[in-house]
Amino acid sequence: MSGKWKGSIVVALLVMMTLISGCGGDDSKNSVTIFMMPNGLTPDSKFQETVKDKLQDKLGEETKVEFNSSPIYNIQKLMVEYAAGMNDLVILSKADVENYGKNGANLPLDDYFKAEDYPEGVFEGGVIRGEEEELVQEKHLFAIPLSKLKMFKDAGFAPDDVFVTLAVSADSVDKSIAAIKAMME
C-alpha cells in the first residue's frame, strides 16, 4: 500500500473519530460496552444475548451492558473499533490482543488480577510512561482467556485462544473490571 493511501486512511479514521466522539449520551460512565470479533470463530446470536443478560443481572440495573460483535472477521473493522474508542472491553483472538497491545491499545490488568493465575494473558505491550507520555514496552497481564471465565464456559463459547482485554479508551475502568469479575463467577 502506498504512503498516499496510508495517509488517506489515517485522515479518514481521524475524521470518523471526531464525528463519533459527539455521539451518545452522558451515561458512558454507567455502562460497559463489549466488542467481540475473534478471528475465525463466530458464536451464534443466542450466545451473545445469553452473556449480555447474565452480565446485566450480575452488574445490576444501574450499569447498562452493551454487547456488540462482528459476524465476519475484518481487520479494518477492528482498527476502526479501536480508533473510535467506543468500547470498554474487547474480546479477540490472542494474536490480535497482542498486536494491538504493542501499540498501547489495552490497559494492564495487574492491579486487579494475579498475573500468575492467567499466564496466557501475560505479554509485552505498550504502556504510557513519563511526563512526555512515551509508549514503552513492558511485560504485564493484558488479557484473560475466555476459557477461564465461567460465564463464557456456561454459555458454551470459551476457546483457549480468545481473550478479553480492557481497552485504553474504557470510560469506566472500575465498571469494566467489575464486568470481568462478574464473568468469572
N, C-alpha and C. Protein backbone atom coordinates (compact mmCIF):
# COMPACT_ATOMS: atom_id res chain seq x y z
N MET A 1 0.86 -1.18 0.00
CA MET A 1 0.00 0.00 0.00
C MET A 1 0.90 1.23 0.00
N SER A 2 0.63 2.18 -0.85
CA SER A 2 1.48 3.36 -0.96
C SER A 2 1.26 4.28 0.22
N GLY A 3 2.23 5.16 0.45
CA GLY A 3 2.16 6.10 1.55
C GLY A 3 0.97 7.04 1.45
N LYS A 4 0.59 7.37 0.20
CA LYS A 4 -0.54 8.27 -0.03
C LYS A 4 -1.84 7.63 0.50
N TRP A 5 -2.02 6.33 0.21
CA TRP A 5 -3.23 5.62 0.68
C TRP A 5 -3.24 5.50 2.20
N LYS A 6 -2.08 5.20 2.78
CA LYS A 6 -2.00 5.07 4.24
C LYS A 6 -2.36 6.40 4.90
N GLY A 7 -1.85 7.47 4.35
CA GLY A 7 -2.17 8.79 4.88
C GLY A 7 -3.65 9.10 4.79
N SER A 8 -4.26 8.72 3.67
CA SER A 8 -5.69 8.94 3.48
C SER A 8 -6.51 8.15 4.48
N ILE A 9 -6.09 6.91 4.75
CA ILE A 9 -6.80 6.08 5.73
C ILE A 9 -6.71 6.70 7.11
N VAL A 10 -5.52 7.17 7.49
CA VAL A 10 -5.34 7.79 8.80
C VAL A 10 -6.22 9.03 8.92
N VAL A 11 -6.25 9.86 7.90
CA VAL A 11 -7.08 11.08 7.92
C VAL A 11 -8.56 10.69 8.03
N ALA A 12 -8.99 9.69 7.28
CA ALA A 12 -10.39 9.24 7.34
C ALA A 12 -10.73 8.74 8.74
N LEU A 13 -9.83 7.99 9.35
CA LEU A 13 -10.08 7.50 10.72
C LEU A 13 -10.18 8.65 11.71
N LEU A 14 -9.32 9.64 11.57
CA LEU A 14 -9.37 10.80 12.48
C LEU A 14 -10.69 11.55 12.32
N VAL A 15 -11.15 11.72 11.09
CA VAL A 15 -12.43 12.38 10.85
C VAL A 15 -13.55 11.58 11.49
N MET A 16 -13.53 10.25 11.29
CA MET A 16 -14.57 9.39 11.87
C MET A 16 -14.55 9.48 13.40
N MET A 17 -13.36 9.49 13.99
CA MET A 17 -13.26 9.58 15.45
C MET A 17 -13.86 10.89 15.94
N THR A 18 -13.60 11.96 15.23
CA THR A 18 -14.14 13.26 15.62
C THR A 18 -15.67 13.25 15.55
N LEU A 19 -16.20 12.68 14.48
CA LEU A 19 -17.66 12.62 14.34
C LEU A 19 -18.29 11.71 15.38
N ILE A 20 -17.68 10.57 15.61
CA ILE A 20 -18.25 9.61 16.56
C ILE A 20 -18.17 10.14 17.99
N SER A 21 -17.13 10.90 18.32
CA SER A 21 -16.97 11.37 19.69
C SER A 21 -18.13 12.27 20.13
N GLY A 22 -18.86 12.83 19.20
CA GLY A 22 -20.01 13.65 19.55
C GLY A 22 -21.28 12.86 19.75
N CYS A 23 -21.25 11.57 19.42
CA CYS A 23 -22.44 10.73 19.54
C CYS A 23 -22.60 10.18 20.94
N GLY A 24 -23.81 9.76 21.26
CA GLY A 24 -24.05 9.10 22.54
C GLY A 24 -24.55 10.05 23.59
N GLY A 25 -24.83 9.49 24.74
CA GLY A 25 -25.36 10.28 25.84
C GLY A 25 -24.33 10.49 26.93
N ASP A 26 -24.83 10.92 28.09
CA ASP A 26 -23.95 11.22 29.21
C ASP A 26 -23.68 10.00 30.08
N ASP A 27 -24.33 8.86 29.81
CA ASP A 27 -24.28 7.73 30.71
C ASP A 27 -23.13 6.77 30.44
N SER A 28 -22.09 7.21 29.73
CA SER A 28 -21.00 6.30 29.40
C SER A 28 -20.29 5.77 30.64
N LYS A 29 -20.28 6.53 31.73
CA LYS A 29 -19.67 6.07 32.98
C LYS A 29 -20.53 5.02 33.67
N ASN A 30 -21.80 4.91 33.27
CA ASN A 30 -22.71 3.94 33.87
C ASN A 30 -23.00 2.78 32.93
N SER A 31 -22.09 2.55 31.99
CA SER A 31 -22.30 1.46 31.05
C SER A 31 -20.99 0.73 30.81
N VAL A 32 -21.13 -0.49 30.32
CA VAL A 32 -19.99 -1.28 29.89
C VAL A 32 -20.30 -1.75 28.48
N THR A 33 -19.44 -1.35 27.55
CA THR A 33 -19.62 -1.74 26.15
C THR A 33 -18.55 -2.77 25.80
N ILE A 34 -19.03 -3.90 25.29
CA ILE A 34 -18.14 -5.01 24.94
C ILE A 34 -18.21 -5.22 23.43
N PHE A 35 -17.04 -5.30 22.82
CA PHE A 35 -16.97 -5.61 21.39
C PHE A 35 -16.26 -6.94 21.23
N MET A 36 -16.81 -7.81 20.38
CA MET A 36 -16.25 -9.14 20.19
C MET A 36 -16.06 -9.45 18.71
N MET A 37 -14.83 -9.85 18.35
CA MET A 37 -14.56 -10.26 16.98
C MET A 37 -13.35 -11.20 16.96
N PRO A 38 -13.55 -12.45 17.43
CA PRO A 38 -12.43 -13.39 17.39
C PRO A 38 -12.20 -13.90 15.97
N ASN A 39 -10.95 -13.95 15.57
CA ASN A 39 -10.59 -14.36 14.22
C ASN A 39 -10.93 -15.83 13.98
N GLY A 40 -11.78 -16.09 12.99
CA GLY A 40 -12.12 -17.45 12.60
C GLY A 40 -13.21 -18.11 13.41
N LEU A 41 -13.76 -17.44 14.40
CA LEU A 41 -14.81 -18.03 15.24
C LEU A 41 -16.01 -17.09 15.27
N THR A 42 -17.19 -17.65 15.10
CA THR A 42 -18.39 -16.85 15.13
C THR A 42 -19.43 -17.52 16.03
N PRO A 43 -19.56 -17.05 17.26
CA PRO A 43 -20.60 -17.62 18.11
C PRO A 43 -21.98 -17.17 17.63
N ASP A 44 -23.00 -17.95 17.91
CA ASP A 44 -24.34 -17.59 17.45
C ASP A 44 -24.91 -16.42 18.26
N SER A 45 -25.97 -15.82 17.74
CA SER A 45 -26.56 -14.64 18.38
C SER A 45 -27.18 -14.98 19.73
N LYS A 46 -27.62 -16.21 19.91
CA LYS A 46 -28.18 -16.63 21.21
C LYS A 46 -27.12 -16.54 22.30
N PHE A 47 -25.89 -16.93 21.95
CA PHE A 47 -24.78 -16.83 22.90
C PHE A 47 -24.60 -15.39 23.38
N GLN A 48 -24.58 -14.47 22.43
CA GLN A 48 -24.39 -13.06 22.75
C GLN A 48 -25.47 -12.55 23.70
N GLU A 49 -26.72 -12.88 23.42
CA GLU A 49 -27.83 -12.46 24.29
C GLU A 49 -27.72 -13.09 25.67
N THR A 50 -27.33 -14.36 25.73
CA THR A 50 -27.19 -15.06 27.00
C THR A 50 -26.15 -14.37 27.88
N VAL A 51 -24.98 -14.11 27.31
CA VAL A 51 -23.90 -13.46 28.07
C VAL A 51 -24.32 -12.05 28.48
N LYS A 52 -24.90 -11.31 27.57
CA LYS A 52 -25.34 -9.94 27.89
C LYS A 52 -26.34 -9.94 29.03
N ASP A 53 -27.35 -10.82 28.96
CA ASP A 53 -28.38 -10.87 30.01
C ASP A 53 -27.81 -11.30 31.35
N LYS A 54 -26.93 -12.30 31.36
CA LYS A 54 -26.32 -12.75 32.61
C LYS A 54 -25.44 -11.66 33.22
N LEU A 55 -24.69 -10.99 32.36
CA LEU A 55 -23.83 -9.91 32.85
C LEU A 55 -24.67 -8.76 33.38
N GLN A 56 -25.75 -8.43 32.69
CA GLN A 56 -26.65 -7.37 33.15
C GLN A 56 -27.22 -7.72 34.52
N ASP A 57 -27.64 -8.96 34.72
CA ASP A 57 -28.17 -9.41 36.01
C ASP A 57 -27.13 -9.26 37.12
N LYS A 58 -25.89 -9.62 36.84
CA LYS A 58 -24.83 -9.55 37.85
C LYS A 58 -24.42 -8.12 38.18
N LEU A 59 -24.42 -7.24 37.18
CA LEU A 59 -23.99 -5.85 37.40
C LEU A 59 -25.11 -4.96 37.91
N GLY A 60 -26.36 -5.38 37.73
CA GLY A 60 -27.49 -4.60 38.23
C GLY A 60 -27.99 -3.57 37.24
N GLU A 61 -29.13 -3.02 37.57
CA GLU A 61 -29.81 -2.06 36.68
C GLU A 61 -29.05 -0.75 36.50
N GLU A 62 -28.23 -0.38 37.49
CA GLU A 62 -27.53 0.90 37.39
C GLU A 62 -26.43 0.90 36.33
N THR A 63 -26.02 -0.28 35.87
CA THR A 63 -24.99 -0.37 34.83
C THR A 63 -25.61 -0.96 33.57
N LYS A 64 -25.58 -0.20 32.50
CA LYS A 64 -26.11 -0.68 31.22
C LYS A 64 -25.02 -1.50 30.52
N VAL A 65 -25.39 -2.69 30.06
CA VAL A 65 -24.46 -3.56 29.34
C VAL A 65 -24.80 -3.56 27.86
N GLU A 66 -23.81 -3.25 27.04
CA GLU A 66 -23.96 -3.32 25.59
C GLU A 66 -22.97 -4.34 25.07
N PHE A 67 -23.44 -5.24 24.22
CA PHE A 67 -22.59 -6.31 23.68
C PHE A 67 -22.71 -6.27 22.17
N ASN A 68 -21.62 -5.94 21.51
CA ASN A 68 -21.60 -5.84 20.06
C ASN A 68 -20.60 -6.85 19.50
N SER A 69 -20.93 -7.42 18.37
CA SER A 69 -19.98 -8.33 17.74
C SER A 69 -20.06 -8.17 16.23
N SER A 70 -19.04 -8.67 15.59
CA SER A 70 -19.00 -8.66 14.14
C SER A 70 -19.09 -10.11 13.67
N PRO A 71 -20.04 -10.41 12.79
CA PRO A 71 -20.19 -11.79 12.34
C PRO A 71 -19.04 -12.27 11.45
N ILE A 72 -18.31 -11.34 10.87
CA ILE A 72 -17.20 -11.67 9.99
C ILE A 72 -15.95 -10.95 10.50
N TYR A 73 -14.85 -11.67 10.52
CA TYR A 73 -13.59 -11.05 10.93
C TYR A 73 -13.10 -10.12 9.83
N ASN A 74 -12.82 -8.87 10.21
CA ASN A 74 -12.35 -7.88 9.26
C ASN A 74 -11.37 -6.96 9.98
N ILE A 75 -10.11 -7.01 9.57
CA ILE A 75 -9.06 -6.26 10.26
C ILE A 75 -9.32 -4.75 10.21
N GLN A 76 -9.92 -4.25 9.11
CA GLN A 76 -10.22 -2.82 9.02
C GLN A 76 -11.29 -2.44 10.03
N LYS A 77 -12.30 -3.30 10.20
CA LYS A 77 -13.35 -3.03 11.20
C LYS A 77 -12.75 -3.00 12.59
N LEU A 78 -11.85 -3.93 12.86
CA LEU A 78 -11.19 -3.98 14.17
C LEU A 78 -10.41 -2.69 14.41
N MET A 79 -9.71 -2.22 13.40
CA MET A 79 -8.94 -0.98 13.51
C MET A 79 -9.88 0.20 13.82
N VAL A 80 -11.02 0.25 13.15
CA VAL A 80 -11.99 1.33 13.38
C VAL A 80 -12.57 1.23 14.79
N GLU A 81 -12.87 0.02 15.26
CA GLU A 81 -13.41 -0.16 16.61
C GLU A 81 -12.45 0.37 17.66
N TYR A 82 -11.16 0.06 17.51
CA TYR A 82 -10.17 0.57 18.46
C TYR A 82 -10.02 2.09 18.31
N ALA A 83 -9.95 2.58 17.08
CA ALA A 83 -9.74 4.01 16.84
C ALA A 83 -10.92 4.84 17.35
N ALA A 84 -12.12 4.32 17.23
CA ALA A 84 -13.31 5.06 17.65
C ALA A 84 -13.37 5.22 19.17
N GLY A 85 -12.76 4.30 19.90
CA GLY A 85 -12.71 4.42 21.35
C GLY A 85 -14.06 4.27 22.02
N MET A 86 -14.96 3.50 21.44
CA MET A 86 -16.31 3.36 21.98
C MET A 86 -16.49 2.12 22.85
N ASN A 87 -15.46 1.26 22.93
CA ASN A 87 -15.58 0.00 23.65
C ASN A 87 -14.76 0.02 24.93
N ASP A 88 -15.31 -0.61 25.96
CA ASP A 88 -14.61 -0.73 27.23
C ASP A 88 -13.83 -2.04 27.28
N LEU A 89 -14.50 -3.12 26.91
CA LEU A 89 -13.87 -4.43 26.87
C LEU A 89 -13.88 -4.93 25.43
N VAL A 90 -12.80 -5.59 25.04
CA VAL A 90 -12.69 -6.10 23.69
C VAL A 90 -12.33 -7.58 23.78
N ILE A 91 -13.05 -8.41 23.02
CA ILE A 91 -12.81 -9.85 23.01
C ILE A 91 -12.30 -10.23 21.62
N LEU A 92 -11.05 -10.72 21.61
CA LEU A 92 -10.35 -11.00 20.34
C LEU A 92 -9.51 -12.26 20.47
N SER A 93 -9.00 -12.71 19.34
CA SER A 93 -8.03 -13.80 19.36
C SER A 93 -6.74 -13.27 20.00
N LYS A 94 -5.96 -14.20 20.54
CA LYS A 94 -4.74 -13.80 21.24
C LYS A 94 -3.81 -12.98 20.33
N ALA A 95 -3.67 -13.37 19.08
CA ALA A 95 -2.78 -12.64 18.17
C ALA A 95 -3.19 -11.18 18.02
N ASP A 96 -4.50 -10.92 17.92
CA ASP A 96 -4.97 -9.54 17.80
C ASP A 96 -4.77 -8.76 19.10
N VAL A 97 -5.02 -9.40 20.23
CA VAL A 97 -4.80 -8.74 21.52
C VAL A 97 -3.33 -8.33 21.65
N GLU A 98 -2.43 -9.24 21.29
CA GLU A 98 -1.00 -8.94 21.38
C GLU A 98 -0.60 -7.84 20.40
N ASN A 99 -1.08 -7.91 19.16
CA ASN A 99 -0.72 -6.90 18.15
C ASN A 99 -1.18 -5.51 18.56
N TYR A 100 -2.43 -5.38 18.97
CA TYR A 100 -2.93 -4.07 19.38
C TYR A 100 -2.33 -3.64 20.71
N GLY A 101 -2.02 -4.61 21.55
CA GLY A 101 -1.39 -4.31 22.84
C GLY A 101 -0.03 -3.67 22.68
N LYS A 102 0.73 -4.07 21.69
CA LYS A 102 2.05 -3.49 21.45
C LYS A 102 1.96 -2.00 21.18
N ASN A 103 0.83 -1.56 20.65
CA ASN A 103 0.64 -0.15 20.33
C ASN A 103 -0.05 0.62 21.45
N GLY A 104 -0.21 -0.02 22.61
CA GLY A 104 -0.79 0.66 23.77
C GLY A 104 -2.31 0.72 23.77
N ALA A 105 -2.98 -0.17 23.04
CA ALA A 105 -4.44 -0.13 22.94
C ALA A 105 -5.15 -0.76 24.15
N ASN A 106 -4.41 -1.53 24.96
CA ASN A 106 -5.01 -2.22 26.10
C ASN A 106 -4.34 -1.80 27.40
N LEU A 107 -5.11 -1.75 28.46
CA LEU A 107 -4.57 -1.40 29.77
C LEU A 107 -4.10 -2.65 30.50
N PRO A 108 -3.01 -2.55 31.27
CA PRO A 108 -2.57 -3.69 32.08
C PRO A 108 -3.62 -4.02 33.14
N LEU A 109 -3.74 -5.30 33.44
CA LEU A 109 -4.72 -5.77 34.42
C LEU A 109 -4.07 -6.21 35.73
N ASP A 110 -2.76 -6.01 35.87
CA ASP A 110 -2.02 -6.47 37.05
C ASP A 110 -2.56 -5.95 38.38
N ASP A 111 -3.10 -4.75 38.38
CA ASP A 111 -3.61 -4.16 39.63
C ASP A 111 -4.92 -4.80 40.07
N TYR A 112 -5.55 -5.59 39.21
CA TYR A 112 -6.88 -6.14 39.50
C TYR A 112 -6.91 -7.66 39.59
N PHE A 113 -5.97 -8.32 38.90
CA PHE A 113 -5.94 -9.78 38.84
C PHE A 113 -4.49 -10.25 39.00
N LYS A 114 -4.31 -11.46 39.50
CA LYS A 114 -2.98 -12.03 39.66
C LYS A 114 -2.48 -12.58 38.32
N ALA A 115 -1.36 -12.07 37.87
CA ALA A 115 -0.80 -12.49 36.59
C ALA A 115 -0.51 -13.99 36.57
N GLU A 116 -0.10 -14.54 37.71
CA GLU A 116 0.22 -15.97 37.75
C GLU A 116 -1.02 -16.85 37.55
N ASP A 117 -2.21 -16.30 37.78
CA ASP A 117 -3.44 -17.05 37.55
C ASP A 117 -3.81 -17.11 36.06
N TYR A 118 -3.26 -16.20 35.28
CA TYR A 118 -3.59 -16.10 33.85
C TYR A 118 -2.32 -15.91 33.02
N PRO A 119 -1.37 -16.85 33.09
CA PRO A 119 -0.10 -16.66 32.38
C PRO A 119 -0.26 -16.53 30.87
N GLU A 120 -1.36 -17.07 30.33
CA GLU A 120 -1.60 -16.97 28.89
C GLU A 120 -1.81 -15.53 28.44
N GLY A 121 -2.24 -14.68 29.37
CA GLY A 121 -2.53 -13.29 29.05
C GLY A 121 -1.41 -12.32 29.38
N VAL A 122 -0.25 -12.86 29.77
CA VAL A 122 0.90 -12.01 30.09
C VAL A 122 1.78 -11.92 28.85
N PHE A 123 2.06 -10.69 28.42
CA PHE A 123 2.93 -10.45 27.28
C PHE A 123 3.44 -9.02 27.30
N GLU A 124 4.38 -8.72 26.43
CA GLU A 124 4.88 -7.35 26.32
C GLU A 124 3.90 -6.52 25.53
N GLY A 125 3.60 -5.36 26.09
CA GLY A 125 2.68 -4.45 25.42
C GLY A 125 3.06 -3.01 25.71
N GLY A 126 2.47 -2.11 24.97
CA GLY A 126 2.77 -0.70 25.13
C GLY A 126 2.05 -0.09 26.31
N VAL A 127 2.82 0.67 27.11
CA VAL A 127 2.28 1.37 28.28
C VAL A 127 2.82 2.80 28.22
N ILE A 128 1.96 3.76 28.51
CA ILE A 128 2.38 5.17 28.50
C ILE A 128 3.08 5.48 29.82
N ARG A 129 4.28 6.05 29.73
CA ARG A 129 5.08 6.38 30.91
C ARG A 129 5.70 7.77 30.76
N GLY A 130 5.97 8.40 31.89
CA GLY A 130 6.73 9.63 31.94
C GLY A 130 5.93 10.87 31.60
N GLU A 131 6.57 12.00 31.84
CA GLU A 131 5.95 13.30 31.59
C GLU A 131 5.63 13.50 30.11
N GLU A 132 6.47 12.95 29.27
CA GLU A 132 6.29 13.11 27.83
C GLU A 132 5.35 12.05 27.26
N GLU A 133 4.76 11.26 28.13
CA GLU A 133 3.81 10.21 27.74
C GLU A 133 4.36 9.35 26.63
N GLU A 134 5.51 8.79 26.89
CA GLU A 134 6.18 7.93 25.92
C GLU A 134 5.63 6.51 26.01
N LEU A 135 5.44 5.87 24.87
CA LEU A 135 4.97 4.49 24.81
C LEU A 135 6.18 3.58 24.97
N VAL A 136 6.20 2.81 26.06
CA VAL A 136 7.28 1.86 26.30
C VAL A 136 6.70 0.46 26.37
N GLN A 137 7.51 -0.52 26.00
CA GLN A 137 7.09 -1.92 26.03
C GLN A 137 7.41 -2.51 27.39
N GLU A 138 6.39 -3.06 28.05
CA GLU A 138 6.56 -3.68 29.36
C GLU A 138 5.74 -4.97 29.40
N LYS A 139 6.21 -5.91 30.21
CA LYS A 139 5.51 -7.18 30.35
C LYS A 139 4.47 -7.05 31.47
N HIS A 140 3.21 -7.33 31.13
CA HIS A 140 2.09 -7.23 32.08
C HIS A 140 1.03 -8.27 31.74
N LEU A 141 0.09 -8.41 32.64
CA LEU A 141 -1.13 -9.15 32.34
C LEU A 141 -2.03 -8.18 31.58
N PHE A 142 -2.27 -8.47 30.30
CA PHE A 142 -3.10 -7.60 29.47
C PHE A 142 -4.44 -8.21 29.11
N ALA A 143 -4.57 -9.54 29.29
CA ALA A 143 -5.79 -10.19 28.83
C ALA A 143 -6.07 -11.46 29.63
N ILE A 144 -7.34 -11.84 29.64
CA ILE A 144 -7.76 -13.04 30.34
C ILE A 144 -8.48 -13.95 29.33
N PRO A 145 -8.07 -15.23 29.27
CA PRO A 145 -8.69 -16.13 28.30
C PRO A 145 -10.15 -16.42 28.66
N LEU A 146 -10.99 -16.50 27.64
CA LEU A 146 -12.40 -16.83 27.87
C LEU A 146 -12.53 -18.20 28.53
N SER A 147 -11.56 -19.07 28.31
CA SER A 147 -11.60 -20.41 28.90
C SER A 147 -11.53 -20.37 30.43
N LYS A 148 -11.14 -19.22 30.99
CA LYS A 148 -11.07 -19.07 32.44
C LYS A 148 -12.27 -18.27 33.00
N LEU A 149 -13.21 -17.95 32.13
CA LEU A 149 -14.38 -17.17 32.55
C LEU A 149 -15.61 -18.07 32.58
N LYS A 150 -16.14 -18.30 33.78
CA LYS A 150 -17.27 -19.21 33.98
C LYS A 150 -18.48 -18.85 33.11
N MET A 151 -18.76 -17.57 32.98
CA MET A 151 -19.92 -17.13 32.21
C MET A 151 -19.83 -17.61 30.76
N PHE A 152 -18.64 -17.55 30.18
CA PHE A 152 -18.46 -17.97 28.80
C PHE A 152 -18.48 -19.50 28.69
N LYS A 153 -17.91 -20.18 29.68
CA LYS A 153 -17.97 -21.65 29.69
C LYS A 153 -19.41 -22.12 29.77
N ASP A 154 -20.19 -21.50 30.66
CA ASP A 154 -21.60 -21.88 30.82
C ASP A 154 -22.41 -21.61 29.55
N ALA A 155 -22.01 -20.57 28.80
CA ALA A 155 -22.72 -20.21 27.57
C ALA A 155 -22.27 -21.06 26.38
N GLY A 156 -21.23 -21.88 26.58
CA GLY A 156 -20.79 -22.78 25.52
C GLY A 156 -19.81 -22.18 24.52
N PHE A 157 -19.16 -21.08 24.89
CA PHE A 157 -18.17 -20.47 24.00
C PHE A 157 -17.00 -19.98 24.85
N ALA A 158 -15.98 -20.84 24.99
CA ALA A 158 -14.82 -20.48 25.80
C ALA A 158 -13.54 -21.04 25.19
N PRO A 159 -13.21 -20.65 23.95
CA PRO A 159 -11.98 -21.16 23.32
C PRO A 159 -10.74 -20.66 24.08
N ASP A 160 -9.70 -21.50 24.07
CA ASP A 160 -8.45 -21.18 24.78
C ASP A 160 -7.72 -19.99 24.18
N ASP A 161 -7.89 -19.74 22.89
CA ASP A 161 -7.12 -18.70 22.22
C ASP A 161 -7.90 -17.40 21.96
N VAL A 162 -8.98 -17.21 22.73
CA VAL A 162 -9.76 -15.97 22.63
C VAL A 162 -9.73 -15.31 24.02
N PHE A 163 -9.48 -14.00 24.03
CA PHE A 163 -9.23 -13.28 25.28
C PHE A 163 -10.09 -12.03 25.41
N VAL A 164 -10.34 -11.65 26.65
CA VAL A 164 -10.98 -10.36 26.92
C VAL A 164 -9.89 -9.42 27.44
N THR A 165 -9.91 -8.19 26.95
CA THR A 165 -8.93 -7.20 27.36
C THR A 165 -9.63 -5.87 27.62
N LEU A 166 -9.00 -5.05 28.43
CA LEU A 166 -9.54 -3.74 28.80
C LEU A 166 -8.95 -2.69 27.86
N ALA A 167 -9.82 -2.08 27.07
CA ALA A 167 -9.37 -1.06 26.11
C ALA A 167 -8.89 0.19 26.85
N VAL A 168 -7.85 0.80 26.32
CA VAL A 168 -7.31 2.02 26.92
C VAL A 168 -8.36 3.14 26.90
N SER A 169 -9.35 3.03 26.03
CA SER A 169 -10.39 4.04 25.90
C SER A 169 -11.59 3.80 26.82
N ALA A 170 -11.50 2.83 27.71
CA ALA A 170 -12.63 2.49 28.59
C ALA A 170 -13.11 3.73 29.35
N ASP A 171 -14.43 3.96 29.31
CA ASP A 171 -15.00 5.11 30.02
C ASP A 171 -14.93 4.92 31.52
N SER A 172 -15.14 3.71 31.99
CA SER A 172 -15.08 3.43 33.42
C SER A 172 -14.29 2.15 33.64
N VAL A 173 -13.05 2.31 34.07
CA VAL A 173 -12.21 1.16 34.34
C VAL A 173 -12.83 0.31 35.45
N ASP A 174 -13.35 0.97 36.49
CA ASP A 174 -13.95 0.23 37.61
C ASP A 174 -15.12 -0.64 37.17
N LYS A 175 -16.01 -0.10 36.36
CA LYS A 175 -17.16 -0.88 35.88
C LYS A 175 -16.70 -2.00 34.94
N SER A 176 -15.69 -1.73 34.15
CA SER A 176 -15.15 -2.75 33.24
C SER A 176 -14.51 -3.90 34.02
N ILE A 177 -13.76 -3.57 35.05
CA ILE A 177 -13.15 -4.62 35.89
C ILE A 177 -14.25 -5.40 36.61
N ALA A 178 -15.28 -4.69 37.08
CA ALA A 178 -16.42 -5.38 37.72
C ALA A 178 -17.08 -6.34 36.75
N ALA A 179 -17.14 -5.97 35.48
CA ALA A 179 -17.74 -6.85 34.46
C ALA A 179 -16.90 -8.09 34.27
N ILE A 180 -15.57 -7.94 34.20
CA ILE A 180 -14.70 -9.11 34.04
C ILE A 180 -14.85 -10.02 35.26
N LYS A 181 -14.87 -9.44 36.45
CA LYS A 181 -15.02 -10.26 37.66
C LYS A 181 -16.37 -10.99 37.67
N ALA A 182 -17.41 -10.33 37.18
CA ALA A 182 -18.73 -10.97 37.10
C ALA A 182 -18.69 -12.12 36.10
N MET A 183 -17.90 -11.99 35.05
CA MET A 183 -17.77 -13.07 34.07
C MET A 183 -17.09 -14.30 34.67
N MET A 184 -16.31 -14.08 35.72
CA MET A 184 -15.59 -15.17 36.36
C MET A 184 -16.47 -15.98 37.32
N GLU A 185 -17.54 -15.37 37.83
CA GLU A 185 -18.38 -16.01 38.84
C GLU A 185 -19.30 -17.06 38.26
